[in-house]
Amino acid sequence: MSNTQLWITIAMLALGTSLTRFLPFLLFPAGKSAPQSIRYLGRVLPAAAIGMLVVYCLKGTDLTGPAHGIPELVASACVIALHLWKRNTLLSILCGTVVYMLLVQLVF
């Protein structure tokens, strides 16, 4: 890759990143209400994204294998319980990941 291509790539990435950061403020200035469709997406997309992540994370679970999906089930239960208790997404995901890795590496 030549230096020109490198600089063009960096400029395009900077422009794309800046555009995605500033465009919402340009389209929906303070004091102006967002359209109903945007408010609806703001309510439903976070849950939909989490649902897709759960499906993606559990799609490769082998229920017929030696562990029978137990590490995934225990880690998922840990994430759910901890989130219901503390209401901290980062803490829930971090602890669930640690529980899963400990189970996979040390128990199963």
PDB file of N, CA and C in Angstrom:
ATOM      1  N   MET A   1       0.853  -1.176   0.000  1.00  0.00           N
ATOM      2  CA  MET A   1       0.000   0.000   0.000  1.00  0.00           C
ATOM      3  C   MET A   1       0.898   1.237   0.000  1.00  0.00           C
ATOM      4  N   SER A   2       0.625   2.158  -0.886  1.00  0.00           N
ATOM      5  CA  SER A   2       1.430   3.374  -0.976  1.00  0.00           C
ATOM      6  C   SER A   2       1.012   4.364   0.115  1.00  0.00           C
ATOM      7  N   ASN A   3       1.849   5.366   0.299  1.00  0.00           N
ATOM      8  CA  ASN A   3       1.539   6.395   1.299  1.00  0.00           C
ATOM      9  C   ASN A   3       0.262   7.141   0.952  1.00  0.00           C
ATOM     10  N   THR A   4       0.030   7.374  -0.329  1.00  0.00           N
ATOM     11  CA  THR A   4      -1.187   8.071  -0.751  1.00  0.00           C
ATOM     12  C   THR A   4      -2.424   7.267  -0.369  1.00  0.00           C
ATOM     13  N   GLN A   5      -2.390   5.967  -0.650  1.00  0.00           N
ATOM     14  CA  GLN A   5      -3.521   5.107  -0.291  1.00  0.00           C
ATOM     15  C   GLN A   5      -3.725   5.085   1.215  1.00  0.00           C
ATOM     16  N   LEU A   6      -2.641   5.052   1.942  1.00  0.00           N
ATOM     17  CA  LEU A   6      -2.720   5.043   3.403  1.00  0.00           C
ATOM     18  C   LEU A   6      -3.390   6.313   3.921  1.00  0.00           C
ATOM     19  N   TRP A   7      -2.985   7.472   3.417  1.00  0.00           N
ATOM     20  CA  TRP A   7      -3.571   8.735   3.861  1.00  0.00           C
ATOM     21  C   TRP A   7      -5.025   8.869   3.448  1.00  0.00           C
ATOM     22  N   ILE A   8      -5.358   8.377   2.252  1.00  0.00           N
ATOM     23  CA  ILE A   8      -6.760   8.405   1.814  1.00  0.00           C
ATOM     24  C   ILE A   8      -7.607   7.521   2.719  1.00  0.00           C
ATOM     25  N   THR A   9      -7.089   6.351   3.066  1.00  0.00           N
ATOM     26  CA  THR A   9      -7.806   5.432   3.956  1.00  0.00           C
ATOM     27  C   THR A   9      -8.021   6.070   5.327  1.00  0.00           C
ATOM     28  N   ILE A  10      -6.982   6.672   5.877  1.00  0.00           N
ATOM     29  CA  ILE A  10      -7.096   7.324   7.183  1.00  0.00           C
ATOM     30  C   ILE A  10      -8.110   8.466   7.126  1.00  0.00           C
ATOM     31  N   ALA A  11      -8.068   9.260   6.055  1.00  0.00           N
ATOM     32  CA  ALA A  11      -9.006  10.375   5.916  1.00  0.00           C
ATOM     33  C   ALA A  11     -10.448   9.881   5.811  1.00  0.00           C
ATOM     34  N   MET A  12     -10.669   8.823   5.046  1.00  0.00           N
ATOM     35  CA  MET A  12     -12.026   8.275   4.902  1.00  0.00           C
ATOM     36  C   MET A  12     -12.537   7.711   6.226  1.00  0.00           C
ATOM     37  N   LEU A  13     -11.675   7.031   6.967  1.00  0.00           N
ATOM     38  CA  LEU A  13     -12.072   6.505   8.273  1.00  0.00           C
ATOM     39  C   LEU A  13     -12.403   7.638   9.242  1.00  0.00           C
ATOM     40  N   ALA A  14     -11.585   8.691   9.225  1.00  0.00           N
ATOM     41  CA  ALA A  14     -11.851   9.841  10.099  1.00  0.00           C
ATOM     42  C   ALA A  14     -13.161  10.518   9.706  1.00  0.00           C
ATOM     43  N   LEU A  15     -13.390  10.671   8.408  1.00  0.00           N
ATOM     44  CA  LEU A  15     -14.630  11.287   7.937  1.00  0.00           C
ATOM     45  C   LEU A  15     -15.848  10.443   8.311  1.00  0.00           C
ATOM     46  N   GLY A  16     -15.748   9.136   8.098  1.00  0.00           N
ATOM     47  CA  GLY A  16     -16.868   8.246   8.441  1.00  0.00           C
ATOM     48  C   GLY A  16     -17.169   8.249   9.927  1.00  0.00           C
ATOM     49  N   THR A  17     -16.125   8.228  10.744  1.00  0.00           N
ATOM     50  CA  THR A  17     -16.309   8.258  12.193  1.00  0.00           C
ATOM     51  C   THR A  17     -16.917   9.582  12.631  1.00  0.00           C
ATOM     52  N   SER A  18     -16.400  10.675  12.109  1.00  0.00           N
ATOM     53  CA  SER A  18     -16.929  11.995  12.467  1.00  0.00           C
ATOM     54  C   SER A  18     -18.377  12.142  12.026  1.00  0.00           C
ATOM     55  N   LEU A  19     -18.671  11.675  10.829  1.00  0.00           N
ATOM     56  CA  LEU A  19     -20.030  11.791  10.305  1.00  0.00           C
ATOM     57  C   LEU A  19     -21.029  11.041  11.186  1.00  0.00           C
ATOM     58  N   THR A  20     -20.671   9.825  11.605  1.00  0.00           N
ATOM     59  CA  THR A  20     -21.598   9.068  12.453  1.00  0.00           C
ATOM     60  C   THR A  20     -21.742   9.695  13.839  1.00  0.00           C
ATOM     61  N   ARG A  21     -20.744  10.438  14.281  1.00  0.00           N
ATOM     62  CA  ARG A  21     -20.827  11.094  15.587  1.00  0.00           C
ATOM     63  C   ARG A  21     -21.642  12.379  15.533  1.00  0.00           C
ATOM     64  N   PHE A  22     -21.475  13.172  14.465  1.00  0.00           N
ATOM     65  CA  PHE A  22     -22.089  14.497  14.393  1.00  0.00           C
ATOM     66  C   PHE A  22     -23.450  14.516  13.715  1.00  0.00           C
ATOM     67  N   LEU A  23     -23.731  13.544  12.855  1.00  0.00           N
ATOM     68  CA  LEU A  23     -24.972  13.559  12.091  1.00  0.00           C
ATOM     69  C   LEU A  23     -26.230  13.567  12.961  1.00  0.00           C
ATOM     70  N   PRO A  24     -26.306  12.776  14.032  1.00  0.00           N
ATOM     71  CA  PRO A  24     -27.511  12.836  14.870  1.00  0.00           C
ATOM     72  C   PRO A  24     -27.767  14.233  15.452  1.00  0.00           C
ATOM     73  N   PHE A  25     -26.704  14.942  15.808  1.00  0.00           N
ATOM     74  CA  PHE A  25     -26.879  16.284  16.368  1.00  0.00           C
ATOM     75  C   PHE A  25     -27.318  17.282  15.302  1.00  0.00           C
ATOM     76  N   LEU A  26     -26.920  17.041  14.071  1.00  0.00           N
ATOM     77  CA  LEU A  26     -27.352  17.917  12.986  1.00  0.00           C
ATOM     78  C   LEU A  26     -28.797  17.635  12.581  1.00  0.00           C
ATOM     79  N   LEU A  27     -29.169  16.347  12.574  1.00  0.00           N
ATOM     80  CA  LEU A  27     -30.526  15.972  12.174  1.00  0.00           C
ATOM     81  C   LEU A  27     -31.560  16.264  13.255  1.00  0.00           C
ATOM     82  N   PHE A  28     -31.166  16.108  14.517  1.00  0.00           N
ATOM     83  CA  PHE A  28     -32.094  16.282  15.633  1.00  0.00           C
ATOM     84  C   PHE A  28     -31.508  17.267  16.640  1.00  0.00           C
ATOM     85  N   PRO A  29     -31.582  18.567  16.351  1.00  0.00           N
ATOM     86  CA  PRO A  29     -30.995  19.558  17.264  1.00  0.00           C
ATOM     87  C   PRO A  29     -31.725  19.594  18.606  1.00  0.00           C
ATOM     88  N   ALA A  30     -31.042  20.109  19.604  1.00  0.00           N
ATOM     89  CA  ALA A  30     -31.624  20.217  20.951  1.00  0.00           C
ATOM     90  C   ALA A  30     -32.879  21.073  20.895  1.00  0.00           C
ATOM     91  N   GLY A  31     -33.877  20.660  21.638  1.00  0.00           N
ATOM     92  CA  GLY A  31     -35.129  21.391  21.677  1.00  0.00           C
ATOM     93  C   GLY A  31     -36.138  20.917  20.645  1.00  0.00           C
ATOM     94  N   LYS A  32     -35.670  20.189  19.644  1.00  0.00           N
ATOM     95  CA  LYS A  32     -36.574  19.676  18.616  1.00  0.00           C
ATOM     96  C   LYS A  32     -36.822  18.194  18.901  1.00  0.00           C
ATOM     97  N   SER A  33     -38.073  17.808  18.934  1.00  0.00           N
ATOM     98  CA  SER A  33     -38.417  16.423  19.242  1.00  0.00           C
ATOM     99  C   SER A  33     -38.068  15.507  18.068  1.00  0.00           C
ATOM    100  N   ALA A  34     -37.511  14.347  18.387  1.00  0.00           N
ATOM    101  CA  ALA A  34     -37.187  13.358  17.352  1.00  0.00           C
ATOM    102  C   ALA A  34     -38.481  12.741  16.829  1.00  0.00           C
ATOM    103  N   PRO A  35     -38.480  12.294  15.575  1.00  0.00           N
ATOM    104  CA  PRO A  35     -39.683  11.654  15.033  1.00  0.00           C
ATOM    105  C   PRO A  35     -40.068  10.402  15.830  1.00  0.00           C
ATOM    106  N   GLN A  36     -41.331  10.046  15.752  1.00  0.00           N
ATOM    107  CA  GLN A  36     -41.849   8.893  16.492  1.00  0.00           C
ATOM    108  C   GLN A  36     -41.092   7.610  16.130  1.00  0.00           C
ATOM    109  N   SER A  37     -40.744   7.437  14.866  1.00  0.00           N
ATOM    110  CA  SER A  37     -40.044   6.223  14.446  1.00  0.00           C
ATOM    111  C   SER A  37     -38.671   6.122  15.101  1.00  0.00           C
ATOM    112  N   ILE A  38     -37.979   7.240  15.257  1.00  0.00           N
ATOM    113  CA  ILE A  38     -36.665   7.237  15.900  1.00  0.00           C
ATOM    114  C   ILE A  38     -36.805   6.942  17.390  1.00  0.00           C
ATOM    115  N   ARG A  39     -37.819   7.499  18.020  1.00  0.00           N
ATOM    116  CA  ARG A  39     -38.051   7.208  19.447  1.00  0.00           C
ATOM    117  C   ARG A  39     -38.391   5.736  19.642  1.00  0.00           C
ATOM    118  N   TYR A  40     -39.181   5.167  18.720  1.00  0.00           N
ATOM    119  CA  TYR A  40     -39.518   3.748  18.794  1.00  0.00           C
ATOM    120  C   TYR A  40     -38.256   2.887  18.678  1.00  0.00           C
ATOM    121  N   LEU A  41     -37.407   3.205  17.707  1.00  0.00           N
ATOM    122  CA  LEU A  41     -36.161   2.446  17.546  1.00  0.00           C
ATOM    123  C   LEU A  41     -35.272   2.574  18.778  1.00  0.00           C
ATOM    124  N   GLY A  42     -35.264   3.735  19.396  1.00  0.00           N
ATOM    125  CA  GLY A  42     -34.485   3.926  20.619  1.00  0.00           C
ATOM    126  C   GLY A  42     -34.974   3.063  21.766  1.00  0.00           C
ATOM    127  N   ARG A  43     -36.271   2.734  21.754  1.00  0.00           N
ATOM    128  CA  ARG A  43     -36.816   1.864  22.806  1.00  0.00           C
ATOM    129  C   ARG A  43     -36.572   0.389  22.524  1.00  0.00           C
ATOM    130  N   VAL A  44     -36.683  -0.047  21.271  1.00  0.00           N
ATOM    131  CA  VAL A  44     -36.655  -1.484  20.985  1.00  0.00           C
ATOM    132  C   VAL A  44     -35.287  -2.016  20.550  1.00  0.00           C
ATOM    133  N   LEU A  45     -34.432  -1.186  19.974  1.00  0.00           N
ATOM    134  CA  LEU A  45     -33.154  -1.691  19.477  1.00  0.00           C
ATOM    135  C   LEU A  45     -32.202  -2.206  20.552  1.00  0.00           C
ATOM    136  N   PRO A  46     -32.105  -1.587  21.734  1.00  0.00           N
ATOM    137  CA  PRO A  46     -31.200  -2.161  22.733  1.00  0.00           C
ATOM    138  C   PRO A  46     -31.565  -3.603  23.110  1.00  0.00           C
ATOM    139  N   ALA A  47     -32.836  -3.875  23.325  1.00  0.00           N
ATOM    140  CA  ALA A  47     -33.241  -5.246  23.667  1.00  0.00           C
ATOM    141  C   ALA A  47     -33.024  -6.191  22.487  1.00  0.00           C
ATOM    142  N   ALA A  48     -33.279  -5.721  21.283  1.00  0.00           N
ATOM    143  CA  ALA A  48     -33.063  -6.561  20.098  1.00  0.00           C
ATOM    144  C   ALA A  48     -31.583  -6.883  19.920  1.00  0.00           C
ATOM    145  N   ALA A  49     -30.726  -5.911  20.154  1.00  0.00           N
ATOM    146  CA  ALA A  49     -29.283  -6.143  20.028  1.00  0.00           C
ATOM    147  C   ALA A  49     -28.805  -7.151  21.071  1.00  0.00           C
ATOM    148  N   ILE A  50     -29.268  -7.018  22.300  1.00  0.00           N
ATOM    149  CA  ILE A  50     -28.891  -7.976  23.350  1.00  0.00           C
ATOM    150  C   ILE A  50     -29.398  -9.369  22.984  1.00  0.00           C
ATOM    151  N   GLY A  51     -30.626  -9.455  22.488  1.00  0.00           N
ATOM    152  CA  GLY A  51     -31.168 -10.752  22.063  1.00  0.00           C
ATOM    153  C   GLY A  51     -30.342 -11.388  20.971  1.00  0.00           C
ATOM    154  N   MET A  52     -29.912 -10.598  19.993  1.00  0.00           N
ATOM    155  CA  MET A  52     -29.072 -11.142  18.921  1.00  0.00           C
ATOM    156  C   MET A  52     -27.719 -11.602  19.460  1.00  0.00           C
ATOM    157  N   LEU A  53     -27.161 -10.865  20.413  1.00  0.00           N
ATOM    158  CA  LEU A  53     -25.891 -11.274  21.009  1.00  0.00           C
ATOM    159  C   LEU A  53     -26.023 -12.585  21.775  1.00  0.00           C
ATOM    160  N   VAL A  54     -27.132 -12.755  22.478  1.00  0.00           N
ATOM    161  CA  VAL A  54     -27.360 -14.008  23.213  1.00  0.00           C
ATOM    162  C   VAL A  54     -27.453 -15.174  22.229  1.00  0.00           C
ATOM    163  N   VAL A  55     -28.215 -15.003  21.172  1.00  0.00           N
ATOM    164  CA  VAL A  55     -28.342 -16.065  20.162  1.00  0.00           C
ATOM    165  C   VAL A  55     -26.988 -16.362  19.544  1.00  0.00           C
ATOM    166  N   TYR A  56     -26.226 -15.320  19.215  1.00  0.00           N
ATOM    167  CA  TYR A  56     -24.910 -15.505  18.608  1.00  0.00           C
ATOM    168  C   TYR A  56     -23.967 -16.246  19.553  1.00  0.00           C
ATOM    169  N   CYS A  57     -23.993 -15.893  20.826  1.00  0.00           N
ATOM    170  CA  CYS A  57     -23.091 -16.522  21.790  1.00  0.00           C
ATOM    171  C   CYS A  57     -23.448 -17.977  22.063  1.00  0.00           C
ATOM    172  N   LEU A  58     -24.735 -18.306  22.011  1.00  0.00           N
ATOM    173  CA  LEU A  58     -25.151 -19.666  22.364  1.00  0.00           C
ATOM    174  C   LEU A  58     -25.370 -20.565  21.149  1.00  0.00           C
ATOM    175  N   LYS A  59     -25.183 -20.054  19.929  1.00  0.00           N
ATOM    176  CA  LYS A  59     -25.478 -20.840  18.734  1.00  0.00           C
ATOM    177  C   LYS A  59     -24.559 -22.049  18.575  1.00  0.00           C
ATOM    178  N   GLY A  60     -23.376 -21.985  19.100  1.00  0.00           N
ATOM    179  CA  GLY A  60     -22.438 -23.086  18.950  1.00  0.00           C
ATOM    180  C   GLY A  60     -22.420 -24.053  20.124  1.00  0.00           C
ATOM    181  N   THR A  61     -23.366 -23.941  21.019  1.00  0.00           N
ATOM    182  CA  THR A  61     -23.406 -24.795  22.204  1.00  0.00           C
ATOM    183  C   THR A  61     -23.739 -26.225  21.788  1.00  0.00           C
ATOM    184  N   ASP A  62     -22.887 -27.155  22.199  1.00  0.00           N
ATOM    185  CA  ASP A  62     -23.080 -28.565  21.864  1.00  0.00           C
ATOM    186  C   ASP A  62     -23.730 -29.269  23.057  1.00  0.00           C
ATOM    187  N   LEU A  63     -25.039 -29.512  22.952  1.00  0.00           N
ATOM    188  CA  LEU A  63     -25.763 -30.158  24.047  1.00  0.00           C
ATOM    189  C   LEU A  63     -25.491 -31.650  24.121  1.00  0.00           C
ATOM    190  N   THR A  64     -24.919 -32.232  23.059  1.00  0.00           N
ATOM    191  CA  THR A  64     -24.621 -33.661  23.061  1.00  0.00           C
ATOM    192  C   THR A  64     -23.167 -33.940  23.404  1.00  0.00           C
ATOM    193  N   GLY A  65     -22.369 -32.893  23.596  1.00  0.00           N
ATOM    194  CA  GLY A  65     -20.952 -33.059  23.915  1.00  0.00           C
ATOM    195  C   GLY A  65     -20.749 -33.439  25.368  1.00  0.00           C
ATOM    196  N   PRO A  66     -19.497 -33.555  25.759  1.00  0.00           N
ATOM    197  CA  PRO A  66     -19.184 -33.993  27.124  1.00  0.00           C
ATOM    198  C   PRO A  66     -19.714 -33.062  28.219  1.00  0.00           C
ATOM    199  N   ALA A  67     -19.757 -31.754  27.963  1.00  0.00           N
ATOM    200  CA  ALA A  67     -20.218 -30.820  28.990  1.00  0.00           C
ATOM    201  C   ALA A  67     -21.725 -30.603  28.942  1.00  0.00           C
ATOM    202  N   HIS A  68     -22.381 -31.030  27.864  1.00  0.00           N
ATOM    203  CA  HIS A  68     -23.846 -30.912  27.690  1.00  0.00           C
ATOM    204  C   HIS A  68     -24.366 -29.485  27.835  1.00  0.00           C
ATOM    205  N   GLY A  69     -23.515 -28.482  27.536  1.00  0.00           N
ATOM    206  CA  GLY A  69     -23.956 -27.094  27.613  1.00  0.00           C
ATOM    207  C   GLY A  69     -24.042 -26.541  29.018  1.00  0.00           C
ATOM    208  N   ILE A  70     -23.524 -27.279  29.996  1.00  0.00           N
ATOM    209  CA  ILE A  70     -23.610 -26.835  31.389  1.00  0.00           C
ATOM    210  C   ILE A  70     -22.835 -25.534  31.631  1.00  0.00           C
ATOM    211  N   PRO A  71     -21.602 -25.376  31.108  1.00  0.00           N
ATOM    212  CA  PRO A  71     -20.898 -24.101  31.339  1.00  0.00           C
ATOM    213  C   PRO A  71     -21.674 -22.899  30.797  1.00  0.00           C
ATOM    214  N   GLU A  72     -22.261 -23.060  29.623  1.00  0.00           N
ATOM    215  CA  GLU A  72     -23.039 -21.971  29.033  1.00  0.00           C
ATOM    216  C   GLU A  72     -24.274 -21.664  29.869  1.00  0.00           C
ATOM    217  N   LEU A  73     -24.941 -22.700  30.348  1.00  0.00           N
ATOM    218  CA  LEU A  73     -26.139 -22.520  31.161  1.00  0.00           C
ATOM    219  C   LEU A  73     -25.803 -21.841  32.492  1.00  0.00           C
ATOM    220  N   VAL A  74     -24.755 -22.294  33.153  1.00  0.00           N
ATOM    221  CA  VAL A  74     -24.364 -21.714  34.439  1.00  0.00           C
ATOM    222  C   VAL A  74     -23.917 -20.258  34.261  1.00  0.00           C
ATOM    223  N   ALA A  75     -23.113 -19.987  33.227  1.00  0.00           N
ATOM    224  CA  ALA A  75     -22.650 -18.621  32.988  1.00  0.00           C
ATOM    225  C   ALA A  75     -23.827 -17.711  32.631  1.00  0.00           C
ATOM    226  N   SER A  76     -24.760 -18.199  31.832  1.00  0.00           N
ATOM    227  CA  SER A  76     -25.941 -17.402  31.480  1.00  0.00           C
ATOM    228  C   SER A  76     -26.780 -17.107  32.720  1.00  0.00           C
ATOM    229  N   ALA A  77     -26.964 -18.098  33.572  1.00  0.00           N
ATOM    230  CA  ALA A  77     -27.717 -17.904  34.810  1.00  0.00           C
ATOM    231  C   ALA A  77     -27.005 -16.892  35.710  1.00  0.00           C
ATOM    232  N   CYS A  78     -25.675 -16.955  35.734  1.00  0.00           N
ATOM    233  CA  CYS A  78     -24.893 -16.002  36.525  1.00  0.00           C
ATOM    234  C   CYS A  78     -25.109 -14.582  36.005  1.00  0.00           C
ATOM    235  N   VAL A  79     -25.073 -14.407  34.677  1.00  0.00           N
ATOM    236  CA  VAL A  79     -25.274 -13.078  34.091  1.00  0.00           C
ATOM    237  C   VAL A  79     -26.669 -12.548  34.431  1.00  0.00           C
ATOM    238  N   ILE A  80     -27.671 -13.395  34.270  1.00  0.00           N
ATOM    239  CA  ILE A  80     -29.056 -12.969  34.536  1.00  0.00           C
ATOM    240  C   ILE A  80     -29.239 -12.606  36.005  1.00  0.00           C
ATOM    241  N   ALA A  81     -28.790 -13.488  36.898  1.00  0.00           N
ATOM    242  CA  ALA A  81     -28.962 -13.240  38.333  1.00  0.00           C
ATOM    243  C   ALA A  81     -28.218 -11.991  38.788  1.00  0.00           C
ATOM    244  N   LEU A  82     -26.992 -11.851  38.327  1.00  0.00           N
ATOM    245  CA  LEU A  82     -26.198 -10.695  38.740  1.00  0.00           C
ATOM    246  C   LEU A  82     -26.787  -9.399  38.184  1.00  0.00           C
ATOM    247  N   HIS A  83     -27.308  -9.464  36.963  1.00  0.00           N
ATOM    248  CA  HIS A  83     -27.905  -8.254  36.391  1.00  0.00           C
ATOM    249  C   HIS A  83     -29.206  -7.879  37.116  1.00  0.00           C
ATOM    250  N   LEU A  84     -30.002  -8.860  37.458  1.00  0.00           N
ATOM    251  CA  LEU A  84     -31.229  -8.569  38.204  1.00  0.00           C
ATOM    252  C   LEU A  84     -30.920  -8.013  39.591  1.00  0.00           C
ATOM    253  N   TRP A  85     -29.810  -8.467  40.166  1.00  0.00           N
ATOM    254  CA  TRP A  85     -29.441  -8.032  41.507  1.00  0.00           C
ATOM    255  C   TRP A  85     -28.790  -6.645  41.493  1.00  0.00           C
ATOM    256  N   LYS A  86     -27.767  -6.447  40.647  1.00  0.00           N
ATOM    257  CA  LYS A  86     -26.982  -5.211  40.670  1.00  0.00           C
ATOM    258  C   LYS A  86     -27.354  -4.202  39.586  1.00  0.00           C
ATOM    259  N   ARG A  87     -28.045  -4.627  38.542  1.00  0.00           N
ATOM    260  CA  ARG A  87     -28.418  -3.739  37.423  1.00  0.00           C
ATOM    261  C   ARG A  87     -27.203  -3.065  36.797  1.00  0.00           C
ATOM    262  N   ASN A  88     -26.108  -3.822  36.668  1.00  0.00           N
ATOM    263  CA  ASN A  88     -24.880  -3.297  36.084  1.00  0.00           C
ATOM    264  C   ASN A  88     -24.479  -4.229  34.943  1.00  0.00           C
ATOM    265  N   THR A  89     -24.679  -3.769  33.712  1.00  0.00           N
ATOM    266  CA  THR A  89     -24.441  -4.614  32.546  1.00  0.00           C
ATOM    267  C   THR A  89     -22.987  -5.043  32.449  1.00  0.00           C
ATOM    268  N   LEU A  90     -22.066  -4.126  32.628  1.00  0.00           N
ATOM    269  CA  LEU A  90     -20.649  -4.452  32.515  1.00  0.00           C
ATOM    270  C   LEU A  90     -20.236  -5.489  33.552  1.00  0.00           C
ATOM    271  N   LEU A  91     -20.668  -5.317  34.776  1.00  0.00           N
ATOM    272  CA  LEU A  91     -20.360  -6.272  35.833  1.00  0.00           C
ATOM    273  C   LEU A  91     -20.949  -7.646  35.523  1.00  0.00           C
ATOM    274  N   SER A  92     -22.172  -7.674  35.040  1.00  0.00           N
ATOM    275  CA  SER A  92     -22.840  -8.928  34.722  1.00  0.00           C
ATOM    276  C   SER A  92     -22.101  -9.691  33.627  1.00  0.00           C
ATOM    277  N   ILE A  93     -21.749  -8.985  32.556  1.00  0.00           N
ATOM    278  CA  ILE A  93     -21.062  -9.633  31.442  1.00  0.00           C
ATOM    279  C   ILE A  93     -19.671 -10.085  31.864  1.00  0.00           C
ATOM    280  N   LEU A  94     -18.956  -9.248  32.594  1.00  0.00           N
ATOM    281  CA  LEU A  94     -17.609  -9.601  33.039  1.00  0.00           C
ATOM    282  C   LEU A  94     -17.635 -10.839  33.931  1.00  0.00           C
ATOM    283  N   CYS A  95     -18.515 -10.866  34.908  1.00  0.00           N
ATOM    284  CA  CYS A  95     -18.587 -12.022  35.815  1.00  0.00           C
ATOM    285  C   CYS A  95     -19.048 -13.270  35.078  1.00  0.00           C
ATOM    286  N   GLY A  96     -19.997 -13.142  34.169  1.00  0.00           N
ATOM    287  CA  GLY A  96     -20.441 -14.286  33.386  1.00  0.00           C
ATOM    288  C   GLY A  96     -19.323 -14.861  32.540  1.00  0.00           C
ATOM    289  N   THR A  97     -18.516 -13.986  31.961  1.00  0.00           N
ATOM    290  CA  THR A  97     -17.378 -14.438  31.160  1.00  0.00           C
ATOM    291  C   THR A  97     -16.352 -15.150  32.029  1.00  0.00           C
ATOM    292  N   VAL A  98     -16.068 -14.594  33.198  1.00  0.00           N
ATOM    293  CA  VAL A  98     -15.103 -15.228  34.112  1.00  0.00           C
ATOM    294  C   VAL A  98     -15.621 -16.593  34.564  1.00  0.00           C
ATOM    295  N   VAL A  99     -16.893 -16.671  34.923  1.00  0.00           N
ATOM    296  CA  VAL A  99     -17.480 -17.955  35.344  1.00  0.00           C
ATOM    297  C   VAL A  99     -17.386 -18.971  34.212  1.00  0.00           C
ATOM    298  N   TYR A 100     -17.732 -18.575  33.005  1.00  0.00           N
ATOM    299  CA  TYR A 100     -17.676 -19.486  31.863  1.00  0.00           C
ATOM    300  C   TYR A 100     -16.251 -19.980  31.617  1.00  0.00           C
ATOM    301  N   MET A 101     -15.281 -19.056  31.618  1.00  0.00           N
ATOM    302  CA  MET A 101     -13.900 -19.450  31.351  1.00  0.00           C
ATOM    303  C   MET A 101     -13.351 -20.362  32.453  1.00  0.00           C
ATOM    304  N   LEU A 102     -13.699 -20.079  33.696  1.00  0.00           N
ATOM    305  CA  LEU A 102     -13.255 -20.960  34.785  1.00  0.00           C
ATOM    306  C   LEU A 102     -13.860 -22.352  34.646  1.00  0.00           C
ATOM    307  N   LEU A 103     -15.133 -22.416  34.314  1.00  0.00           N
ATOM    308  CA  LEU A 103     -15.778 -23.723  34.140  1.00  0.00           C
ATOM    309  C   LEU A 103     -15.157 -24.503  32.984  1.00  0.00           C
ATOM    310  N   VAL A 104     -14.935 -23.830  31.869  1.00  0.00           N
ATOM    311  CA  VAL A 104     -14.395 -24.508  30.697  1.00  0.00           C
ATOM    312  C   VAL A 104     -12.938 -24.939  30.927  1.00  0.00           C
ATOM    313  N   GLN A 105     -12.157 -24.078  31.579  1.00  0.00           N
ATOM    314  CA  GLN A 105     -10.738 -24.370  31.748  1.00  0.00           C
ATOM    315  C   GLN A 105     -10.444 -25.312  32.923  1.00  0.00           C
ATOM    316  N   LEU A 106     -11.226 -25.233  33.991  1.00  0.00           N
ATOM    317  CA  LEU A 106     -10.890 -25.988  35.193  1.00  0.00           C
ATOM    318  C   LEU A 106     -11.835 -27.154  35.515  1.00  0.00           C
ATOM    319  N   VAL A 107     -13.073 -27.073  35.073  1.00  0.00           N
ATOM    320  CA  VAL A 107     -14.030 -28.092  35.469  1.00  0.00           C
ATOM    321  C   VAL A 107     -14.340 -29.053  34.309  1.00  0.00           C
ATOM    322  N   PHE A 108     -14.667 -28.510  33.155  1.00  0.00           N
ATOM    323  CA  PHE A 108     -15.082 -29.378  32.041  1.00  0.00           C
ATOM    324  C   PHE A 108     -13.978 -29.566  31.046  1.00  0.00           C
TER     325      PHE A 108
END
